Amino acid sequence: MHIVLINQWYPPESGSGGVAMHNHYFANACSQLGHRVTVIAKRPSRAVPVRRCSDGITVLRVSTPNLYRYRRVPLV
């Protein structure tokens, strides 16, 4: 299954506590169960890379105005 998490917080760029770490642990758990995981998160500055892959998790960073386009994602 391909799981997509859309949230503005995902470590390390958005901190390492609270919601960011919850998203990190959830993505890792899903990846360890054999799922393909993509995280769409906020890009705080241009210095942060847009795409990063690690531990079977793809992290896509988008600027804040683009993030709100995904606000009404239909539920499956």
PDB file of N, CA and C in Angstrom:
ATOM      1  N   MET A   1       0.840  -1.160   0.000  1.00  0.00           N
ATOM      2  CA  MET A   1       0.000   0.000   0.000  1.00  0.00           C
ATOM      3  C   MET A   1       0.897   1.239   0.000  1.00  0.00           C
ATOM      4  N   HIS A   2       0.460   2.287  -0.665  1.00  0.00           N
ATOM      5  CA  HIS A   2       1.200   3.544  -0.664  1.00  0.00           C
ATOM      6  C   HIS A   2       0.473   4.505   0.280  1.00  0.00           C
ATOM      7  N   ILE A   3       1.152   4.913   1.326  1.00  0.00           N
ATOM      8  CA  ILE A   3       0.589   5.814   2.336  1.00  0.00           C
ATOM      9  C   ILE A   3       1.212   7.189   2.158  1.00  0.00           C
ATOM     10  N   VAL A   4       0.363   8.226   2.100  1.00  0.00           N
ATOM     11  CA  VAL A   4       0.834   9.603   1.963  1.00  0.00           C
ATOM     12  C   VAL A   4       0.401  10.374   3.199  1.00  0.00           C
ATOM     13  N   LEU A   5       1.368  10.962   3.888  1.00  0.00           N
ATOM     14  CA  LEU A   5       1.097  11.818   5.050  1.00  0.00           C
ATOM     15  C   LEU A   5       1.272  13.264   4.610  1.00  0.00           C
ATOM     16  N   ILE A   6       0.248  14.073   4.796  1.00  0.00           N
ATOM     17  CA  ILE A   6       0.325  15.492   4.453  1.00  0.00           C
ATOM     18  C   ILE A   6       0.199  16.283   5.740  1.00  0.00           C
ATOM     19  N   ASN A   7       1.292  16.923   6.114  1.00  0.00           N
ATOM     20  CA  ASN A   7       1.328  17.688   7.347  1.00  0.00           C
ATOM     21  C   ASN A   7       2.478  18.677   7.246  1.00  0.00           C
ATOM     22  N   GLN A   8       2.355  19.810   7.876  1.00  0.00           N
ATOM     23  CA  GLN A   8       3.427  20.796   7.750  1.00  0.00           C
ATOM     24  C   GLN A   8       4.639  20.493   8.618  1.00  0.00           C
ATOM     25  N   TRP A   9       4.526  19.572   9.552  1.00  0.00           N
ATOM     26  CA  TRP A   9       5.641  19.268  10.451  1.00  0.00           C
ATOM     27  C   TRP A   9       6.212  17.883  10.190  1.00  0.00           C
ATOM     28  N   TYR A  10       7.517  17.838   9.917  1.00  0.00           N
ATOM     29  CA  TYR A  10       8.244  16.577   9.802  1.00  0.00           C
ATOM     30  C   TYR A  10       9.709  16.884  10.063  1.00  0.00           C
ATOM     31  N   PRO A  11      10.354  16.135  10.969  1.00  0.00           N
ATOM     32  CA  PRO A  11      11.731  16.454  11.337  1.00  0.00           C
ATOM     33  C   PRO A  11      12.711  16.184  10.207  1.00  0.00           C
ATOM     34  N   PRO A  12      13.878  16.731  10.206  1.00  0.00           N
ATOM     35  CA  PRO A  12      14.449  17.594  11.244  1.00  0.00           C
ATOM     36  C   PRO A  12      14.191  19.071  11.012  1.00  0.00           C
ATOM     37  N   GLU A  13      13.724  19.449   9.814  1.00  0.00           N
ATOM     38  CA  GLU A  13      13.589  20.867   9.491  1.00  0.00           C
ATOM     39  C   GLU A  13      12.531  21.589  10.321  1.00  0.00           C
ATOM     40  N   SER A  14      11.506  20.897  10.774  1.00  0.00           N
ATOM     41  CA  SER A  14      10.440  21.559  11.517  1.00  0.00           C
ATOM     42  C   SER A  14      10.472  21.226  13.004  1.00  0.00           C
ATOM     43  N   GLY A  15      11.631  20.876  13.508  1.00  0.00           N
ATOM     44  CA  GLY A  15      11.760  20.594  14.931  1.00  0.00           C
ATOM     45  C   GLY A  15      11.768  19.106  15.208  1.00  0.00           C
ATOM     46  N   SER A  16      11.969  18.778  16.471  1.00  0.00           N
ATOM     47  CA  SER A  16      12.061  17.360  16.827  1.00  0.00           C
ATOM     48  C   SER A  16      11.194  17.030  18.038  1.00  0.00           C
ATOM     49  N   GLY A  17      10.004  17.569  18.056  1.00  0.00           N
ATOM     50  CA  GLY A  17       9.114  17.267  19.168  1.00  0.00           C
ATOM     51  C   GLY A  17       7.666  17.317  18.727  1.00  0.00           C
ATOM     52  N   GLY A  18       6.792  16.838  19.566  1.00  0.00           N
ATOM     53  CA  GLY A  18       5.364  16.938  19.333  1.00  0.00           C
ATOM     54  C   GLY A  18       4.888  16.269  18.059  1.00  0.00           C
ATOM     55  N   VAL A  19       4.169  17.028  17.240  1.00  0.00           N
ATOM     56  CA  VAL A  19       3.553  16.514  16.024  1.00  0.00           C
ATOM     57  C   VAL A  19       4.603  16.018  15.031  1.00  0.00           C
ATOM     58  N   ALA A  20       5.727  16.711  14.921  1.00  0.00           N
ATOM     59  CA  ALA A  20       6.781  16.310  13.981  1.00  0.00           C
ATOM     60  C   ALA A  20       7.281  14.905  14.295  1.00  0.00           C
ATOM     61  N   MET A  21       7.532  14.613  15.555  1.00  0.00           N
ATOM     62  CA  MET A  21       8.028  13.291  15.919  1.00  0.00           C
ATOM     63  C   MET A  21       6.940  12.225  15.782  1.00  0.00           C
ATOM     64  N   HIS A  22       5.695  12.575  16.057  1.00  0.00           N
ATOM     65  CA  HIS A  22       4.600  11.633  15.848  1.00  0.00           C
ATOM     66  C   HIS A  22       4.538  11.227  14.371  1.00  0.00           C
ATOM     67  N   ASN A  23       4.638  12.200  13.475  1.00  0.00           N
ATOM     68  CA  ASN A  23       4.637  11.901  12.040  1.00  0.00           C
ATOM     69  C   ASN A  23       5.827  11.030  11.663  1.00  0.00           C
ATOM     70  N   HIS A  24       6.978  11.310  12.233  1.00  0.00           N
ATOM     71  CA  HIS A  24       8.186  10.536  11.953  1.00  0.00           C
ATOM     72  C   HIS A  24       8.028   9.079  12.399  1.00  0.00           C
ATOM     73  N   TYR A  25       7.545   8.877  13.622  1.00  0.00           N
ATOM     74  CA  TYR A  25       7.371   7.520  14.142  1.00  0.00           C
ATOM     75  C   TYR A  25       6.304   6.755  13.349  1.00  0.00           C
ATOM     76  N   PHE A  26       5.224   7.436  12.986  1.00  0.00           N
ATOM     77  CA  PHE A  26       4.164   6.791  12.211  1.00  0.00           C
ATOM     78  C   PHE A  26       4.666   6.384  10.828  1.00  0.00           C
ATOM     79  N   ALA A  27       5.405   7.279  10.172  1.00  0.00           N
ATOM     80  CA  ALA A  27       5.962   6.972   8.848  1.00  0.00           C
ATOM     81  C   ALA A  27       6.939   5.798   8.940  1.00  0.00           C
ATOM     82  N   ASN A  28       7.792   5.794   9.961  1.00  0.00           N
ATOM     83  CA  ASN A  28       8.740   4.684  10.131  1.00  0.00           C
ATOM     84  C   ASN A  28       8.025   3.365  10.392  1.00  0.00           C
ATOM     85  N   ALA A  29       6.994   3.383  11.218  1.00  0.00           N
ATOM     86  CA  ALA A  29       6.258   2.152  11.521  1.00  0.00           C
ATOM     87  C   ALA A  29       5.596   1.598  10.264  1.00  0.00           C
ATOM     88  N   CYS A  30       4.988   2.459   9.474  1.00  0.00           N
ATOM     89  CA  CYS A  30       4.349   2.011   8.232  1.00  0.00           C
ATOM     90  C   CYS A  30       5.381   1.465   7.257  1.00  0.00           C
ATOM     91  N   SER A  31       6.537   2.107   7.185  1.00  0.00           N
ATOM     92  CA  SER A  31       7.603   1.647   6.296  1.00  0.00           C
ATOM     93  C   SER A  31       8.120   0.279   6.729  1.00  0.00           C
ATOM     94  N   GLN A  32       8.278   0.080   8.027  1.00  0.00           N
ATOM     95  CA  GLN A  32       8.762  -1.200   8.536  1.00  0.00           C
ATOM     96  C   GLN A  32       7.760  -2.326   8.312  1.00  0.00           C
ATOM     97  N   LEU A  33       6.491  -1.987   8.174  1.00  0.00           N
ATOM     98  CA  LEU A  33       5.471  -2.989   7.879  1.00  0.00           C
ATOM     99  C   LEU A  33       5.427  -3.324   6.389  1.00  0.00           C
ATOM    100  N   GLY A  34       6.272  -2.662   5.601  1.00  0.00           N
ATOM    101  CA  GLY A  34       6.370  -2.969   4.179  1.00  0.00           C
ATOM    102  C   GLY A  34       5.603  -2.041   3.260  1.00  0.00           C
ATOM    103  N   HIS A  35       5.056  -0.956   3.795  1.00  0.00           N
ATOM    104  CA  HIS A  35       4.315  -0.006   2.974  1.00  0.00           C
ATOM    105  C   HIS A  35       5.260   1.021   2.362  1.00  0.00           C
ATOM    106  N   ARG A  36       4.859   1.571   1.235  1.00  0.00           N
ATOM    107  CA  ARG A  36       5.598   2.676   0.627  1.00  0.00           C
ATOM    108  C   ARG A  36       5.043   3.958   1.237  1.00  0.00           C
ATOM    109  N   VAL A  37       5.893   4.814   1.767  1.00  0.00           N
ATOM    110  CA  VAL A  37       5.446   5.999   2.501  1.00  0.00           C
ATOM    111  C   VAL A  37       6.012   7.261   1.846  1.00  0.00           C
ATOM    112  N   THR A  38       5.128   8.230   1.617  1.00  0.00           N
ATOM    113  CA  THR A  38       5.523   9.547   1.132  1.00  0.00           C
ATOM    114  C   THR A  38       4.986  10.577   2.103  1.00  0.00           C
ATOM    115  N   VAL A  39       5.837  11.503   2.509  1.00  0.00           N
ATOM    116  CA  VAL A  39       5.442  12.580   3.416  1.00  0.00           C
ATOM    117  C   VAL A  39       5.528  13.887   2.631  1.00  0.00           C
ATOM    118  N   ILE A  40       4.446  14.656   2.641  1.00  0.00           N
ATOM    119  CA  ILE A  40       4.440  15.987   2.041  1.00  0.00           C
ATOM    120  C   ILE A  40       4.416  16.963   3.203  1.00  0.00           C
ATOM    121  N   ALA A  41       5.470  17.772   3.319  1.00  0.00           N
ATOM    122  CA  ALA A  41       5.617  18.670   4.463  1.00  0.00           C
ATOM    123  C   ALA A  41       6.051  20.053   4.011  1.00  0.00           C
ATOM    124  N   LYS A  42       6.007  20.975   4.937  1.00  0.00           N
ATOM    125  CA  LYS A  42       6.361  22.367   4.690  1.00  0.00           C
ATOM    126  C   LYS A  42       7.853  22.515   4.442  1.00  0.00           C
ATOM    127  N   ARG A  43       8.201  23.380   3.514  1.00  0.00           N
ATOM    128  CA  ARG A  43       9.596  23.709   3.229  1.00  0.00           C
ATOM    129  C   ARG A  43       9.886  25.066   3.859  1.00  0.00           C
ATOM    130  N   PRO A  44      10.611  25.095   4.972  1.00  0.00           N
ATOM    131  CA  PRO A  44      10.801  26.353   5.699  1.00  0.00           C
ATOM    132  C   PRO A  44      11.676  27.377   4.982  1.00  0.00           C
ATOM    133  N   SER A  45      12.610  26.931   4.144  1.00  0.00           N
ATOM    134  CA  SER A  45      13.467  27.869   3.418  1.00  0.00           C
ATOM    135  C   SER A  45      13.964  27.212   2.139  1.00  0.00           C
ATOM    136  N   ARG A  46      14.539  28.019   1.256  1.00  0.00           N
ATOM    137  CA  ARG A  46      15.059  27.488  -0.001  1.00  0.00           C
ATOM    138  C   ARG A  46      16.302  26.629   0.207  1.00  0.00           C
ATOM    139  N   ALA A  47      16.933  26.731   1.360  1.00  0.00           N
ATOM    140  CA  ALA A  47      18.130  25.938   1.647  1.00  0.00           C
ATOM    141  C   ALA A  47      17.797  24.465   1.886  1.00  0.00           C
ATOM    142  N   VAL A  48      16.552  24.184   2.192  1.00  0.00           N
ATOM    143  CA  VAL A  48      16.121  22.809   2.461  1.00  0.00           C
ATOM    144  C   VAL A  48      15.820  22.123   1.134  1.00  0.00           C
ATOM    145  N   PRO A  49      16.353  20.914   0.894  1.00  0.00           N
ATOM    146  CA  PRO A  49      16.073  20.222  -0.362  1.00  0.00           C
ATOM    147  C   PRO A  49      14.593  19.886  -0.526  1.00  0.00           C
ATOM    148  N   VAL A  50      14.126  19.876  -1.769  1.00  0.00           N
ATOM    149  CA  VAL A  50      12.717  19.619  -2.056  1.00  0.00           C
ATOM    150  C   VAL A  50      12.378  18.143  -1.846  1.00  0.00           C
ATOM    151  N   ARG A  51      13.296  17.259  -2.191  1.00  0.00           N
ATOM    152  CA  ARG A  51      13.020  15.816  -2.095  1.00  0.00           C
ATOM    153  C   ARG A  51      14.147  15.120  -1.348  1.00  0.00           C
ATOM    154  N   ARG A  52      13.766  14.229  -0.454  1.00  0.00           N
ATOM    155  CA  ARG A  52      14.747  13.463   0.305  1.00  0.00           C
ATOM    156  C   ARG A  52      14.185  12.068   0.548  1.00  0.00           C
ATOM    157  N   CYS A  53      15.004  11.077   0.379  1.00  0.00           N
ATOM    158  CA  CYS A  53      14.594   9.688   0.630  1.00  0.00           C
ATOM    159  C   CYS A  53      15.512   9.082   1.685  1.00  0.00           C
ATOM    160  N   SER A  54      14.920   8.481   2.698  1.00  0.00           N
ATOM    161  CA  SER A  54      15.709   7.785   3.707  1.00  0.00           C
ATOM    162  C   SER A  54      14.830   6.753   4.402  1.00  0.00           C
ATOM    163  N   ASP A  55      15.397   5.603   4.675  1.00  0.00           N
ATOM    164  CA  ASP A  55      14.708   4.517   5.385  1.00  0.00           C
ATOM    165  C   ASP A  55      13.398   4.106   4.704  1.00  0.00           C
ATOM    166  N   GLY A  56      13.338   4.185   3.373  1.00  0.00           N
ATOM    167  CA  GLY A  56      12.129   3.801   2.654  1.00  0.00           C
ATOM    168  C   GLY A  56      11.030   4.845   2.677  1.00  0.00           C
ATOM    169  N   ILE A  57      11.340   6.043   3.165  1.00  0.00           N
ATOM    170  CA  ILE A  57      10.352   7.129   3.250  1.00  0.00           C
ATOM    171  C   ILE A  57      10.800   8.255   2.330  1.00  0.00           C
ATOM    172  N   THR A  58       9.896   8.696   1.449  1.00  0.00           N
ATOM    173  CA  THR A  58      10.177   9.828   0.579  1.00  0.00           C
ATOM    174  C   THR A  58       9.549  11.061   1.209  1.00  0.00           C
ATOM    175  N   VAL A  59      10.357  12.110   1.409  1.00  0.00           N
ATOM    176  CA  VAL A  59       9.863  13.356   1.993  1.00  0.00           C
ATOM    177  C   VAL A  59       9.910  14.424   0.916  1.00  0.00           C
ATOM    178  N   LEU A  60       8.739  14.981   0.589  1.00  0.00           N
ATOM    179  CA  LEU A  60       8.638  16.067  -0.378  1.00  0.00           C
ATOM    180  C   LEU A  60       8.348  17.346   0.391  1.00  0.00           C
ATOM    181  N   ARG A  61       9.181  18.344   0.195  1.00  0.00           N
ATOM    182  CA  ARG A  61       8.986  19.629   0.866  1.00  0.00           C
ATOM    183  C   ARG A  61       8.400  20.628  -0.121  1.00  0.00           C
ATOM    184  N   VAL A  62       7.309  21.266   0.250  1.00  0.00           N
ATOM    185  CA  VAL A  62       6.668  22.263  -0.606  1.00  0.00           C
ATOM    186  C   VAL A  62       6.548  23.570   0.165  1.00  0.00           C
ATOM    187  N   SER A  63       6.496  24.666  -0.587  1.00  0.00           N
ATOM    188  CA  SER A  63       6.345  25.968   0.068  1.00  0.00           C
ATOM    189  C   SER A  63       4.946  26.066   0.663  1.00  0.00           C
ATOM    190  N   THR A  64       4.762  26.934   1.618  1.00  0.00           N
ATOM    191  CA  THR A  64       3.509  27.027   2.363  1.00  0.00           C
ATOM    192  C   THR A  64       2.288  27.278   1.483  1.00  0.00           C
ATOM    193  N   PRO A  65       2.316  28.200   0.515  1.00  0.00           N
ATOM    194  CA  PRO A  65       1.105  28.380  -0.308  1.00  0.00           C
ATOM    195  C   PRO A  65       0.702  27.113  -1.060  1.00  0.00           C
ATOM    196  N   ASN A  66       1.653  26.312  -1.516  1.00  0.00           N
ATOM    197  CA  ASN A  66       1.325  25.075  -2.225  1.00  0.00           C
ATOM    198  C   ASN A  66       0.782  24.008  -1.294  1.00  0.00           C
ATOM    199  N   LEU A  67       1.184  24.029  -0.022  1.00  0.00           N
ATOM    200  CA  LEU A  67       0.730  23.028   0.930  1.00  0.00           C
ATOM    201  C   LEU A  67      -0.782  23.110   1.132  1.00  0.00           C
ATOM    202  N   TYR A  68      -1.345  24.312   1.108  1.00  0.00           N
ATOM    203  CA  TYR A  68      -2.771  24.472   1.373  1.00  0.00           C
ATOM    204  C   TYR A  68      -3.642  24.021   0.206  1.00  0.00           C
ATOM    205  N   ARG A  69      -3.061  23.711  -0.939  1.00  0.00           N
ATOM    206  CA  ARG A  69      -3.824  23.132  -2.043  1.00  0.00           C
ATOM    207  C   ARG A  69      -4.323  21.742  -1.687  1.00  0.00           C
ATOM    208  N   TYR A  70      -3.594  21.045  -0.811  1.00  0.00           N
ATOM    209  CA  TYR A  70      -3.930  19.677  -0.443  1.00  0.00           C
ATOM    210  C   TYR A  70      -4.876  19.614   0.751  1.00  0.00           C
ATOM    211  N   ARG A  71      -5.445  20.731   1.121  1.00  0.00           N
ATOM    212  CA  ARG A  71      -6.278  20.799   2.314  1.00  0.00           C
ATOM    213  C   ARG A  71      -7.544  19.943   2.180  1.00  0.00           C
ATOM    214  N   ARG A  72      -8.065  19.812   1.001  1.00  0.00           N
ATOM    215  CA  ARG A  72      -9.306  19.074   0.786  1.00  0.00           C
ATOM    216  C   ARG A  72      -9.069  17.788   0.001  1.00  0.00           C
ATOM    217  N   VAL A  73      -8.175  16.962   0.485  1.00  0.00           N
ATOM    218  CA  VAL A  73      -7.888  15.684  -0.156  1.00  0.00           C
ATOM    219  C   VAL A  73      -9.031  14.728   0.164  1.00  0.00           C
ATOM    220  N   PRO A  74      -9.625  14.112  -0.849  1.00  0.00           N
ATOM    221  CA  PRO A  74     -10.743  13.189  -0.570  1.00  0.00           C
ATOM    222  C   PRO A  74     -10.277  11.957   0.196  1.00  0.00           C
ATOM    223  N   LEU A  75     -11.133  11.451   1.047  1.00  0.00           N
ATOM    224  CA  LEU A  75     -10.827  10.247   1.827  1.00  0.00           C
ATOM    225  C   LEU A  75     -11.140   9.017   0.993  1.00  0.00           C
ATOM    226  N   VAL A  76     -10.299   8.028   1.103  1.00  0.00           N
ATOM    227  CA  VAL A  76     -10.500   6.780   0.364  1.00  0.00           C
ATOM    228  C   VAL A  76     -11.017   5.728   1.325  1.00  0.00           C
TER     229      VAL A  76
END
